[in-house]
Amino acid sequence: MQALINKNLIFWIILGSILPQYEAFSASKNELKRADSLFAMAKYSEATVLYKKNFGNDEKNNQSLLLKLAFLAEKTNDYTDCLYYLSKLALITPSRKLFEKMDKLASEQNLKGYEFDDYNYFIIFYRRYGDYIPILLLTLGAYIVLIMVMKVRRKEPILKIHKISIIFYLVALLGLLNIPSLYKTCIIVNSNTFLRDEPSSASQVVERVGKGHKLTIVGSVDHWDRVIWNNRIVYVRKSDLWNI
């Protein structure tokens, strides 16, 4: 009897922990359906409120939601939001057309950081498919090491060029594995944002810029992010930025 009571207690504890999440998930789905209906009826302001409310709840930030949010932001001339959602979309489905759209919008608004080039495309592409690249490189590395071990066992000479190649390979692999943690981007979201030469409110202001510019983060100190601006390292308050 006691065992049966304990089993029932465990069941209700588990159910109690799952049910609120399920209800919240259902409510989120219902709100998104309602938002889609409002969007179809061209009631964009009401749809925007619901989409933004559920943007954080959608862990994958699916392509459809990001496209709608970007479209709605562009219709209201909110180019900071528009470029933010398009940048998030680029992490999911990078494409030349998308980068060209971002570059065009940024050029029209005199915003920096969205220039379309092969380097930026590679970074985004790597962040999208980066899980597969290390596996491929590690497999290749294991094969090379196996060949070298076999040569050693057979007492065959290993050419100097092969040894140097292995060192370069390991350095390149280390660099690729650290790209996601080293390369981060953000967007300035406050109209009067100060770029400073040190992570302190008392430090010299390098430049005052408006919102919408995209920056590369290369580190952080307390409440400040270390970013690149015009090929120079400057500091910006984290509260002035949206991380992509």
Protein backbone atom coordinates (compact mmCIF):
# COMPACT_ATOMS: atom_id res chain seq x y z
CA MET A 1 0.00 0.00 0.00
CA GLN A 2 2.77 2.38 0.96
CA ALA A 3 4.63 1.52 -2.26
CA LEU A 4 1.49 2.38 -4.29
CA ILE A 5 1.17 5.74 -2.52
CA ASN A 6 4.82 6.51 -3.22
CA LYS A 7 4.38 5.66 -6.92
CA ASN A 8 1.34 7.95 -7.17
CA LEU A 9 3.24 10.74 -5.41
CA ILE A 10 6.13 10.47 -7.85
CA PHE A 11 3.68 10.47 -10.79
CA TRP A 12 2.00 13.71 -9.65
CA ILE A 13 5.34 15.39 -8.95
CA ILE A 14 6.52 14.58 -12.48
CA LEU A 15 3.19 15.63 -13.99
CA GLY A 16 3.24 18.85 -12.00
CA SER A 17 6.66 19.74 -13.37
CA ILE A 18 5.72 18.98 -16.99
CA LEU A 19 2.18 20.37 -17.19
CA PRO A 20 3.00 24.09 -16.70
CA GLN A 21 5.60 23.85 -19.46
CA TYR A 22 3.10 22.13 -21.76
CA GLU A 23 0.46 24.76 -21.02
CA ALA A 24 2.94 27.56 -21.68
CA PHE A 25 3.96 25.86 -24.94
CA SER A 26 0.30 25.56 -26.03
CA ALA A 27 -0.37 29.19 -25.12
CA SER A 28 2.66 30.25 -27.14
CA LYS A 29 1.48 28.27 -30.18
CA ASN A 30 -2.01 29.77 -29.92
CA GLU A 31 -0.60 33.30 -29.73
CA LEU A 32 1.57 32.68 -32.77
CA LYS A 33 -1.46 31.40 -34.71
CA ARG A 34 -3.36 34.52 -33.72
CA ALA A 35 -0.39 36.64 -34.77
CA ASP A 36 -0.33 34.89 -38.15
CA SER A 37 -4.03 35.67 -38.60
CA LEU A 38 -3.45 39.34 -37.77
CA PHE A 39 -0.49 39.40 -40.15
CA ALA A 40 -2.65 37.96 -42.95
CA MET A 41 -5.26 40.69 -42.31
CA ALA A 42 -2.51 43.35 -42.52
CA LYS A 43 -2.96 44.28 -38.85
CA TYR A 44 0.75 44.64 -38.53
CA SER A 45 1.05 46.53 -35.25
CA GLU A 46 -1.02 43.93 -33.33
CA ALA A 47 0.85 41.08 -35.02
CA THR A 48 4.21 42.63 -34.14
CA VAL A 49 3.33 42.75 -30.43
CA LEU A 50 2.50 39.03 -30.37
CA TYR A 51 5.49 38.01 -32.49
CA LYS A 52 7.89 39.93 -30.26
CA LYS A 53 6.25 38.51 -27.15
CA ASN A 54 6.93 34.98 -28.37
CA PHE A 55 10.29 35.67 -30.00
CA GLY A 56 12.21 34.70 -26.85
CA ASN A 57 10.03 31.64 -26.30
CA ASP A 58 10.88 30.19 -29.70
CA GLU A 59 14.23 28.58 -28.92
CA LYS A 60 15.06 27.97 -32.56
CA ASN A 61 13.80 31.40 -33.68
CA ASN A 62 12.52 29.72 -36.84
CA GLN A 63 12.95 31.21 -40.26
CA SER A 64 9.30 32.17 -40.74
CA LEU A 65 9.12 34.14 -37.48
CA LEU A 66 12.37 36.00 -38.15
CA LEU A 67 11.30 36.87 -41.71
CA LYS A 68 7.97 38.27 -40.48
CA LEU A 69 9.61 40.30 -37.73
CA ALA A 70 12.16 41.69 -40.20
CA PHE A 71 9.40 42.56 -42.68
CA LEU A 72 7.30 44.30 -40.02
CA ALA A 73 10.29 46.24 -38.74
CA GLU A 74 11.15 47.44 -42.24
CA LYS A 75 7.55 48.56 -42.84
CA THR A 76 7.77 50.81 -39.76
CA ASN A 77 11.25 52.03 -40.78
CA ASP A 78 12.79 50.41 -37.71
CA TYR A 79 15.97 49.41 -39.49
CA THR A 80 17.83 48.47 -36.31
CA ASP A 81 15.27 45.77 -35.50
CA CYS A 82 15.06 44.73 -39.14
CA LEU A 83 18.81 44.21 -39.46
CA TYR A 84 18.93 42.45 -36.10
CA TYR A 85 16.34 39.86 -37.18
CA LEU A 86 18.00 39.42 -40.56
CA SER A 87 21.34 38.88 -38.83
CA LYS A 88 19.75 36.22 -36.62
CA LEU A 89 18.26 34.65 -39.73
CA ALA A 90 21.72 34.56 -41.34
CA LEU A 91 22.85 32.25 -38.54
CA ILE A 92 20.14 29.75 -39.50
CA THR A 93 20.06 30.01 -43.28
CA PRO A 94 23.05 31.96 -44.62
CA SER A 95 22.68 32.99 -48.25
CA ARG A 96 24.16 35.50 -50.66
CA LYS A 97 20.74 37.08 -51.26
CA LEU A 98 20.23 37.66 -47.54
CA PHE A 99 23.65 39.28 -47.11
CA GLU A 100 23.04 41.51 -50.12
CA LYS A 101 19.69 42.59 -48.63
CA MET A 102 21.35 43.51 -45.34
CA ASP A 103 24.15 45.35 -47.13
CA LYS A 104 21.63 47.33 -49.19
CA LEU A 105 19.54 48.33 -46.16
CA ALA A 106 22.63 49.32 -44.17
CA SER A 107 24.03 51.39 -47.06
CA GLU A 108 20.76 53.29 -47.41
CA GLN A 109 20.84 54.14 -43.68
CA ASN A 110 24.61 54.81 -43.56
CA LEU A 111 25.15 51.95 -41.12
CA LYS A 112 28.47 50.14 -40.78
CA GLY A 113 29.30 46.51 -40.22
CA TYR A 114 27.05 44.83 -42.78
CA GLU A 115 29.42 44.92 -45.73
CA PHE A 116 29.10 41.78 -47.81
CA ASP A 117 32.41 39.98 -48.25
CA ASP A 118 33.72 36.43 -48.39
CA TYR A 119 35.15 36.59 -44.87
CA ASN A 120 31.82 37.45 -43.22
CA TYR A 121 30.08 34.82 -45.30
CA PHE A 122 32.61 32.21 -44.17
CA ILE A 123 32.13 33.12 -40.50
CA ILE A 124 28.35 32.86 -40.71
CA PHE A 125 28.57 29.67 -42.74
CA TYR A 126 30.94 28.18 -40.18
CA ARG A 127 28.64 29.06 -37.29
CA ARG A 128 25.81 27.33 -39.14
CA TYR A 129 27.65 24.16 -40.13
CA GLY A 130 30.60 24.31 -37.73
CA ASP A 131 29.63 21.10 -35.94
CA TYR A 132 30.50 19.06 -39.02
CA ILE A 133 33.80 20.74 -39.97
CA PRO A 134 35.75 19.71 -36.82
CA ILE A 135 34.53 16.13 -37.24
CA LEU A 136 35.81 16.09 -40.82
CA LEU A 137 39.14 17.62 -39.80
CA LEU A 138 39.56 15.26 -36.85
CA THR A 139 38.89 12.28 -39.13
CA LEU A 140 41.47 13.57 -41.57
CA GLY A 141 43.92 14.16 -38.71
CA ALA A 142 43.40 10.65 -37.35
CA TYR A 143 44.11 9.25 -40.80
CA ILE A 144 47.34 11.27 -41.11
CA VAL A 145 48.52 10.22 -37.64
CA LEU A 146 47.76 6.59 -38.47
CA ILE A 147 49.87 6.81 -41.64
CA MET A 148 52.76 8.35 -39.72
CA VAL A 149 52.56 5.70 -36.97
CA MET A 150 52.67 2.99 -39.61
CA LYS A 151 55.74 4.61 -41.15
CA VAL A 152 57.47 4.75 -37.78
CA ARG A 153 56.72 1.08 -37.14
CA ARG A 154 58.10 0.18 -40.55
CA LYS A 155 61.12 2.40 -39.84
CA GLU A 156 60.38 4.47 -42.90
CA PRO A 157 61.64 8.08 -42.87
CA ILE A 158 59.11 10.89 -42.32
CA LEU A 159 59.85 13.86 -44.50
CA LYS A 160 60.32 17.25 -42.85
CA ILE A 161 57.58 18.76 -44.99
CA HIS A 162 55.12 16.21 -43.57
CA LYS A 163 56.05 17.12 -40.00
CA ILE A 164 55.57 20.83 -40.73
CA SER A 165 52.25 20.07 -42.38
CA ILE A 166 51.03 18.29 -39.24
CA ILE A 167 51.94 21.32 -37.09
CA PHE A 168 50.08 23.70 -39.42
CA TYR A 169 47.13 21.32 -39.48
CA LEU A 170 46.90 21.24 -35.67
CA VAL A 171 47.14 25.05 -35.45
CA ALA A 172 44.41 25.45 -38.07
CA LEU A 173 42.21 22.92 -36.27
CA LEU A 174 42.66 24.76 -32.97
CA GLY A 175 41.73 28.04 -34.65
CA LEU A 176 38.60 26.62 -36.27
CA LEU A 177 37.44 25.05 -33.00
CA ASN A 178 37.72 28.42 -31.26
CA ILE A 179 35.98 30.54 -33.91
CA PRO A 180 32.49 30.33 -32.33
CA SER A 181 33.78 31.56 -28.95
CA LEU A 182 36.12 34.21 -30.35
CA TYR A 183 33.89 35.70 -33.05
CA LYS A 184 30.69 37.35 -31.84
CA THR A 185 28.70 40.19 -33.30
CA CYS A 186 26.29 42.75 -31.88
CA ILE A 187 24.14 45.70 -32.89
CA ILE A 188 24.05 49.12 -31.22
CA VAL A 189 20.50 49.74 -29.98
CA ASN A 190 20.70 53.18 -28.34
CA SER A 191 20.68 56.39 -30.35
CA ASN A 192 23.49 58.12 -28.46
CA THR A 193 26.08 55.47 -27.76
CA PHE A 194 29.57 56.40 -26.63
CA LEU A 195 32.58 54.48 -27.86
CA ARG A 196 35.39 54.82 -25.31
CA ASP A 197 39.08 54.01 -25.35
CA GLU A 198 38.91 52.30 -21.95
CA PRO A 199 36.19 50.28 -20.11
CA SER A 200 35.20 53.18 -17.87
CA SER A 201 32.62 55.98 -17.93
CA ALA A 202 35.41 58.41 -17.05
CA SER A 203 37.56 57.45 -20.04
CA GLN A 204 37.88 59.48 -23.22
CA VAL A 205 35.07 59.26 -25.77
CA VAL A 206 36.41 58.09 -29.10
CA GLU A 207 33.15 58.73 -30.95
CA ARG A 208 29.41 59.05 -30.38
CA VAL A 209 27.35 56.94 -32.76
CA GLY A 210 23.71 56.20 -33.46
CA LYS A 211 21.89 52.91 -33.30
CA GLY A 212 21.93 50.20 -35.93
CA HIS A 213 25.67 49.77 -36.48
CA LYS A 214 26.97 46.21 -36.34
CA LEU A 215 30.15 45.51 -34.41
CA THR A 216 32.47 42.56 -33.80
CA ILE A 217 33.01 41.66 -30.14
CA VAL A 218 36.54 40.54 -29.27
CA GLY A 219 36.24 40.41 -25.49
CA SER A 220 34.58 41.93 -22.45
CA VAL A 221 35.49 43.65 -19.18
CA ASP A 222 32.82 43.81 -16.46
CA HIS A 223 29.86 45.72 -17.97
CA TRP A 224 31.76 46.62 -21.13
CA ASP A 225 32.30 44.85 -24.45
CA ARG A 226 35.55 45.25 -26.35
CA VAL A 227 34.64 45.81 -29.99
CA ILE A 228 36.20 46.77 -33.31
CA TRP A 229 35.22 50.13 -34.78
CA ASN A 230 36.98 51.54 -37.85
CA ASN A 231 39.84 49.06 -37.35
CA ARG A 232 40.31 50.27 -33.78
CA ILE A 233 39.61 48.59 -30.44
CA VAL A 234 37.04 50.53 -28.39
CA TYR A 235 34.70 49.79 -25.48
CA VAL A 236 30.89 49.95 -25.38
CA ARG A 237 28.49 49.35 -22.50
CA LYS A 238 26.77 45.98 -22.80
CA SER A 239 23.42 47.69 -22.17
CA ASP A 240 23.87 49.58 -25.46
CA LEU A 241 24.18 46.37 -27.47
CA TRP A 242 22.11 43.43 -28.67
CA ASN A 243 24.14 40.28 -29.14
CA ILE A 244 23.39 38.38 -32.32
